[in-house]
Amino acid sequence: MAIMKMFKLDGKKALVVGGGQGIGRCFALALAEANGEVTIADFNEKTGRSTVKEINDAGGKARFVKADANKKEDLSALMSAISPAGLDIAVNCPIMKWETVREYCLAEAELIKRNGRGKIINLASMCASIANVGCLDSYNQTKAAVVMLTKSLAVELGPHNINVNCISPSYTLTPARRRDNPDFKARVRAATPMGWYERPEDLCGTLLFLASRASDYVTGQNITVDGGHTLNVWMDPIKRAAPPLVSPEEEVVSLKHDLDVLGIKYDENIVALS
């Protein structure tokens, strides 16, 4: 059995909704590196086109379609734009109402059905399974709804050979968390068994597994990728036996890239708008 070939996406048509920056950007880069042909949909044309250029300059295949995930009319236009080429893999990253996530998944599924098989991957959150006091109630509830929606769609779409799964990260260093101060980040590291603050690239291995044939018998699952963060009750810092595999300096590589594209100044103590 050619195990490693199962993870390759040669010629597969992939869509990353919200692929211009943060987790979406890293997902788009990973899919392209696995030989997928990536369409990046984002409301921010500057970041979207920057990611497309990054992929194409590296020898991959990518294109940009401007689309706001929270505008229904943009969903129809996006599906029309990718329809001629077809769709094998759909990744939904933006924060959306669960009803909007469902609309995206069903629209993507209609295109995937034409190929007889495919994958849909939603981005949830650790807040789907814990009542995180650091998040708004509506965020916790929305992400929990995305997890249950994923399970329901897995049942509905399984007969069409479509796997539907989701990934739940912890606090992740993206532009959305650009104001996290050093004390907060230190507390997150101290309470996380793996010892570092999550980066977008820490999610990419799980994404490629779920996007590839390696996960053909996996569906309706929510995979929590949080370095063990939700295993700890925040009472005492974890005593490390060895340094973490990722240093604080390495944590911010992707964040610095995204902020540079956005024209936002990075400060090592606190990231503020320039």
Protein backbone atom coordinates (compact mmCIF):
# COMPACT_ATOMS: atom_id res chain seq x y z
CA MET A 1 0.00 0.00 0.00
CA ALA A 2 1.47 3.37 -1.06
CA ILE A 3 0.75 5.19 2.17
CA MET A 4 2.51 8.47 1.42
CA LYS A 5 0.76 8.80 -1.96
CA MET A 6 -2.55 8.88 -0.09
CA PHE A 7 -1.65 12.34 1.22
CA LYS A 8 -0.98 13.86 -2.20
CA LEU A 9 -3.63 16.01 -3.87
CA ASP A 10 -2.37 15.81 -7.46
CA GLY A 11 -4.77 17.74 -9.68
CA LYS A 12 -7.43 18.08 -7.00
CA LYS A 13 -9.45 21.29 -7.15
CA ALA A 14 -9.56 22.94 -3.73
CA LEU A 15 -11.44 25.96 -2.43
CA VAL A 16 -10.34 27.84 0.68
CA VAL A 17 -12.96 30.31 1.86
CA GLY A 18 -11.14 32.96 3.89
CA GLY A 19 -7.78 31.98 2.44
CA GLY A 20 -6.14 35.39 2.36
CA GLN A 21 -4.54 35.45 5.80
CA GLY A 22 -4.09 33.64 9.08
CA ILE A 23 -5.23 30.02 9.22
CA GLY A 24 -6.80 30.22 5.76
CA ARG A 25 -3.55 31.36 4.18
CA CYS A 26 -1.60 28.50 5.74
CA PHE A 27 -4.29 26.05 4.63
CA ALA A 28 -4.08 27.34 1.05
CA LEU A 29 -0.28 27.05 1.06
CA ALA A 30 -0.47 23.49 2.41
CA LEU A 31 -3.01 22.36 -0.18
CA ALA A 32 -0.92 23.85 -2.96
CA GLU A 33 2.27 22.22 -1.66
CA ALA A 34 0.45 18.87 -1.79
CA ASN A 35 -0.16 19.58 -5.52
CA GLY A 36 -3.73 20.77 -5.18
CA GLU A 37 -5.04 23.55 -7.42
CA VAL A 38 -6.35 26.20 -5.06
CA THR A 39 -9.02 28.86 -5.38
CA ILE A 40 -8.79 31.44 -2.61
CA ALA A 41 -12.02 33.24 -1.77
CA ASP A 42 -11.73 36.26 0.50
CA PHE A 43 -13.38 39.65 0.99
CA ASN A 44 -9.93 41.25 1.27
CA GLU A 45 -8.54 41.40 -2.24
CA LYS A 46 -5.12 42.56 -1.05
CA THR A 47 -4.43 39.57 1.20
CA GLY A 48 -6.14 37.12 -1.15
CA ARG A 49 -4.04 38.11 -4.14
CA SER A 50 -0.91 38.15 -1.98
CA THR A 51 -1.47 34.52 -1.03
CA VAL A 52 -2.18 33.58 -4.65
CA LYS A 53 1.09 35.20 -5.70
CA GLU A 54 2.94 33.40 -2.93
CA ILE A 55 1.64 30.05 -4.18
CA ASN A 56 2.19 30.74 -7.87
CA ASP A 57 5.70 32.09 -7.28
CA ALA A 58 6.54 28.81 -5.55
CA GLY A 59 5.41 26.84 -8.60
CA GLY A 60 1.92 26.01 -7.41
CA LYS A 61 -1.46 26.75 -8.94
CA ALA A 62 -3.79 29.27 -7.35
CA ARG A 63 -6.30 31.95 -8.25
CA PHE A 64 -8.35 34.51 -6.37
CA VAL A 65 -12.09 35.13 -6.30
CA LYS A 66 -13.36 38.04 -4.25
CA ALA A 67 -16.18 36.90 -1.98
CA ASP A 68 -17.53 37.97 1.39
CA ALA A 69 -18.56 34.82 3.26
CA ASN A 70 -21.40 36.66 4.99
CA LYS A 71 -23.05 37.88 1.77
CA LYS A 72 -25.41 35.39 0.15
CA GLU A 73 -25.03 36.95 -3.26
CA ASP A 74 -21.28 36.37 -3.09
CA LEU A 75 -21.81 32.65 -2.47
CA SER A 76 -23.73 32.29 -5.72
CA ALA A 77 -21.10 34.21 -7.66
CA LEU A 78 -18.29 32.16 -6.10
CA MET A 79 -19.93 28.85 -7.01
CA SER A 80 -20.43 30.08 -10.58
CA ALA A 81 -16.76 31.04 -10.78
CA ILE A 82 -15.45 27.65 -9.69
CA SER A 83 -18.12 25.52 -11.36
CA PRO A 84 -16.35 25.08 -14.75
CA ALA A 85 -13.23 23.59 -13.16
CA GLY A 86 -15.15 21.53 -10.60
CA LEU A 87 -14.44 21.00 -6.92
CA ASP A 88 -12.90 18.18 -4.88
CA ILE A 89 -12.02 19.83 -1.56
CA ALA A 90 -13.76 22.71 0.23
CA VAL A 91 -12.34 24.38 3.33
CA ASN A 92 -14.47 26.93 5.20
CA CYS A 93 -12.43 29.18 7.51
CA PRO A 94 -14.26 32.47 8.23
CA ILE A 95 -16.38 33.11 11.30
CA MET A 96 -19.91 32.73 9.96
CA LYS A 97 -23.35 32.06 11.35
CA TRP A 98 -23.95 28.32 11.37
CA GLU A 99 -26.75 28.80 8.84
CA THR A 100 -24.25 30.44 6.47
CA VAL A 101 -21.77 27.61 6.99
CA ARG A 102 -24.55 25.19 6.05
CA GLU A 103 -25.34 27.13 2.88
CA TYR A 104 -21.68 27.04 1.88
CA CYS A 105 -21.34 23.33 2.61
CA LEU A 106 -24.43 22.41 0.60
CA ALA A 107 -23.41 24.59 -2.35
CA GLU A 108 -19.92 23.09 -2.30
CA ALA A 109 -21.38 19.60 -2.06
CA GLU A 110 -23.38 20.10 -5.26
CA LEU A 111 -20.15 20.75 -7.17
CA ILE A 112 -18.29 17.91 -5.45
CA LYS A 113 -21.05 15.44 -6.34
CA ARG A 114 -20.16 15.84 -10.02
CA ASN A 115 -16.80 14.16 -9.31
CA GLY A 116 -18.32 11.32 -7.31
CA ARG A 117 -16.28 11.99 -4.17
CA GLY A 118 -14.71 14.78 -2.12
CA LYS A 119 -14.02 16.44 1.19
CA ILE A 120 -15.52 19.36 3.11
CA ILE A 121 -13.62 20.72 6.10
CA ASN A 122 -15.00 23.36 8.46
CA LEU A 123 -13.06 25.41 10.99
CA ALA A 124 -14.61 25.26 14.46
CA SER A 125 -12.87 26.08 17.77
CA MET A 126 -12.02 24.67 21.16
CA CYS A 127 -14.88 26.97 22.24
CA ALA A 128 -17.25 24.44 20.67
CA SER A 129 -16.61 22.04 23.54
CA ILE A 130 -15.74 24.30 26.49
CA ALA A 131 -17.62 27.32 27.88
CA ASN A 132 -14.65 29.63 27.40
CA VAL A 133 -15.11 32.77 29.48
CA GLY A 134 -12.63 34.53 27.20
CA CYS A 135 -15.06 34.34 24.29
CA LEU A 136 -18.46 35.87 23.70
CA ASP A 137 -21.35 33.51 24.37
CA SER A 138 -22.42 33.80 20.75
CA TYR A 139 -18.98 32.66 19.56
CA ASN A 140 -19.06 29.56 21.79
CA GLN A 141 -22.56 28.72 20.60
CA THR A 142 -21.79 29.34 16.95
CA LYS A 143 -18.75 27.08 16.98
CA ALA A 144 -20.65 24.36 18.84
CA ALA A 145 -23.34 24.61 16.15
CA VAL A 146 -20.68 24.23 13.43
CA VAL A 147 -19.51 20.98 15.02
CA MET A 148 -23.03 19.53 15.15
CA LEU A 149 -23.73 20.81 11.64
CA THR A 150 -20.60 18.99 10.48
CA LYS A 151 -21.84 15.76 12.02
CA SER A 152 -25.29 16.14 10.49
CA LEU A 153 -23.92 16.92 7.04
CA ALA A 154 -21.58 13.93 7.29
CA VAL A 155 -24.65 11.72 7.56
CA GLU A 156 -26.50 13.58 4.81
CA LEU A 157 -23.61 13.66 2.36
CA GLY A 158 -21.91 10.36 3.13
CA PRO A 159 -24.08 8.50 0.59
CA HIS A 160 -22.61 10.82 -2.05
CA ASN A 161 -19.05 9.82 -1.00
CA ILE A 162 -18.43 13.21 0.60
CA ASN A 163 -16.59 13.33 3.92
CA VAL A 164 -17.42 16.26 6.20
CA ASN A 165 -15.17 17.00 9.17
CA CYS A 166 -14.00 19.98 11.20
CA ILE A 167 -10.90 21.18 13.01
CA SER A 168 -10.95 22.97 16.37
CA PRO A 169 -7.88 25.06 17.25
CA SER A 170 -6.99 26.83 20.48
CA TYR A 171 -5.97 30.50 20.62
CA THR A 172 -4.07 30.93 17.35
CA LEU A 173 -1.67 33.74 16.42
CA THR A 174 -3.50 35.37 13.54
CA PRO A 175 -4.18 39.07 12.85
CA ALA A 176 -7.47 38.66 14.75
CA ARG A 177 -5.42 38.06 17.92
CA ARG A 178 -2.86 40.77 17.19
CA ARG A 179 -3.48 42.52 20.51
CA ASP A 180 -2.76 39.55 22.77
CA ASN A 181 -0.26 40.90 25.30
CA PRO A 182 2.86 39.08 26.52
CA ASP A 183 1.33 38.18 29.88
CA PHE A 184 -1.68 36.50 28.28
CA LYS A 185 0.50 34.61 25.81
CA ALA A 186 2.78 33.49 28.64
CA ARG A 187 -0.19 32.15 30.58
CA VAL A 188 -1.44 30.27 27.51
CA ARG A 189 1.99 28.68 27.03
CA ALA A 190 2.19 27.76 30.72
CA ALA A 191 -1.21 26.06 30.65
CA THR A 192 -0.60 24.17 27.39
CA PRO A 193 1.14 20.78 27.65
CA MET A 194 3.04 21.28 24.39
CA GLY A 195 4.21 24.65 25.69
CA TRP A 196 3.75 27.09 22.82
CA TYR A 197 1.06 29.46 21.59
CA GLU A 198 -0.63 27.92 18.55
CA ARG A 199 0.39 28.99 15.06
CA PRO A 200 -1.72 28.60 11.89
CA GLU A 201 0.84 26.12 10.53
CA ASP A 202 0.23 23.82 13.50
CA LEU A 203 -3.14 22.97 11.93
CA CYS A 204 -1.90 22.08 8.46
CA GLY A 205 -1.03 18.44 9.07
CA THR A 206 -4.56 17.75 10.25
CA LEU A 207 -5.96 19.67 7.29
CA LEU A 208 -3.98 17.60 4.76
CA PHE A 209 -5.08 14.39 6.45
CA LEU A 210 -8.74 15.40 6.20
CA ALA A 211 -8.37 16.70 2.63
CA SER A 212 -6.61 13.60 1.32
CA ARG A 213 -7.56 9.98 0.65
CA ALA A 214 -5.85 9.07 3.93
CA SER A 215 -9.08 10.08 5.69
CA ASP A 216 -11.56 8.36 3.37
CA TYR A 217 -13.10 6.45 6.30
CA VAL A 218 -13.19 9.47 8.63
CA THR A 219 -16.33 11.61 8.64
CA GLY A 220 -18.41 13.64 11.06
CA GLN A 221 -15.41 14.20 13.32
CA ASN A 222 -14.24 17.29 15.19
CA ILE A 223 -10.47 17.08 15.61
CA THR A 224 -9.20 19.34 18.38
CA VAL A 225 -5.71 20.64 17.61
CA ASP A 226 -4.76 22.67 20.66
CA GLY A 227 -1.48 21.31 22.02
CA GLY A 228 -3.48 19.86 24.91
CA HIS A 229 -4.65 23.31 26.02
CA THR A 230 -8.19 22.19 26.88
CA LEU A 231 -6.84 19.34 29.00
CA ASN A 232 -5.62 21.78 31.66
CA VAL A 233 -7.89 23.55 34.14
CA TRP A 234 -5.65 26.64 34.40
CA MET A 235 -4.92 26.16 38.11
CA ASP A 236 -1.15 25.73 37.99
CA PRO A 237 1.42 26.12 35.21
CA ILE A 238 2.71 22.86 33.78
CA LYS A 239 6.27 22.06 34.85
CA ARG A 240 8.28 21.32 31.72
CA ALA A 241 10.93 18.62 31.50
CA ALA A 242 12.30 20.02 28.24
CA PRO A 243 12.00 23.24 26.22
CA PRO A 244 8.94 23.46 23.92
CA LEU A 245 9.51 22.44 20.31
CA VAL A 246 8.56 25.96 19.16
CA SER A 247 10.06 29.16 20.62
CA PRO A 248 8.16 32.45 21.13
CA GLU A 249 10.14 33.88 18.20
CA GLU A 250 9.04 31.03 15.93
CA GLU A 251 5.40 31.41 17.01
CA VAL A 252 5.00 34.75 15.24
CA VAL A 253 6.47 34.00 11.78
CA SER A 254 3.10 33.66 10.02
CA LEU A 255 1.60 36.51 12.04
CA LYS A 256 4.39 38.86 10.99
CA HIS A 257 3.82 37.93 7.34
CA ASP A 258 0.08 38.63 7.53
CA LEU A 259 0.52 41.92 9.38
CA ASP A 260 3.08 43.05 6.83
CA VAL A 261 0.61 42.41 3.98
CA LEU A 262 -2.11 44.23 5.91
CA GLY A 263 0.18 47.18 6.63
CA ILE A 264 0.02 46.67 10.39
CA LYS A 265 3.09 47.30 12.52
CA TYR A 266 4.32 44.42 14.65
CA ASP A 267 5.58 45.07 18.17
CA GLU A 268 7.04 42.21 20.22
CA ASN A 269 5.35 43.45 23.39
CA ILE A 270 1.93 44.15 21.93
CA VAL A 271 0.85 44.23 18.32
CA ALA A 272 -0.95 47.51 17.59
CA LEU A 273 -2.28 49.18 14.51
CA SER A 274 0.31 51.37 12.82
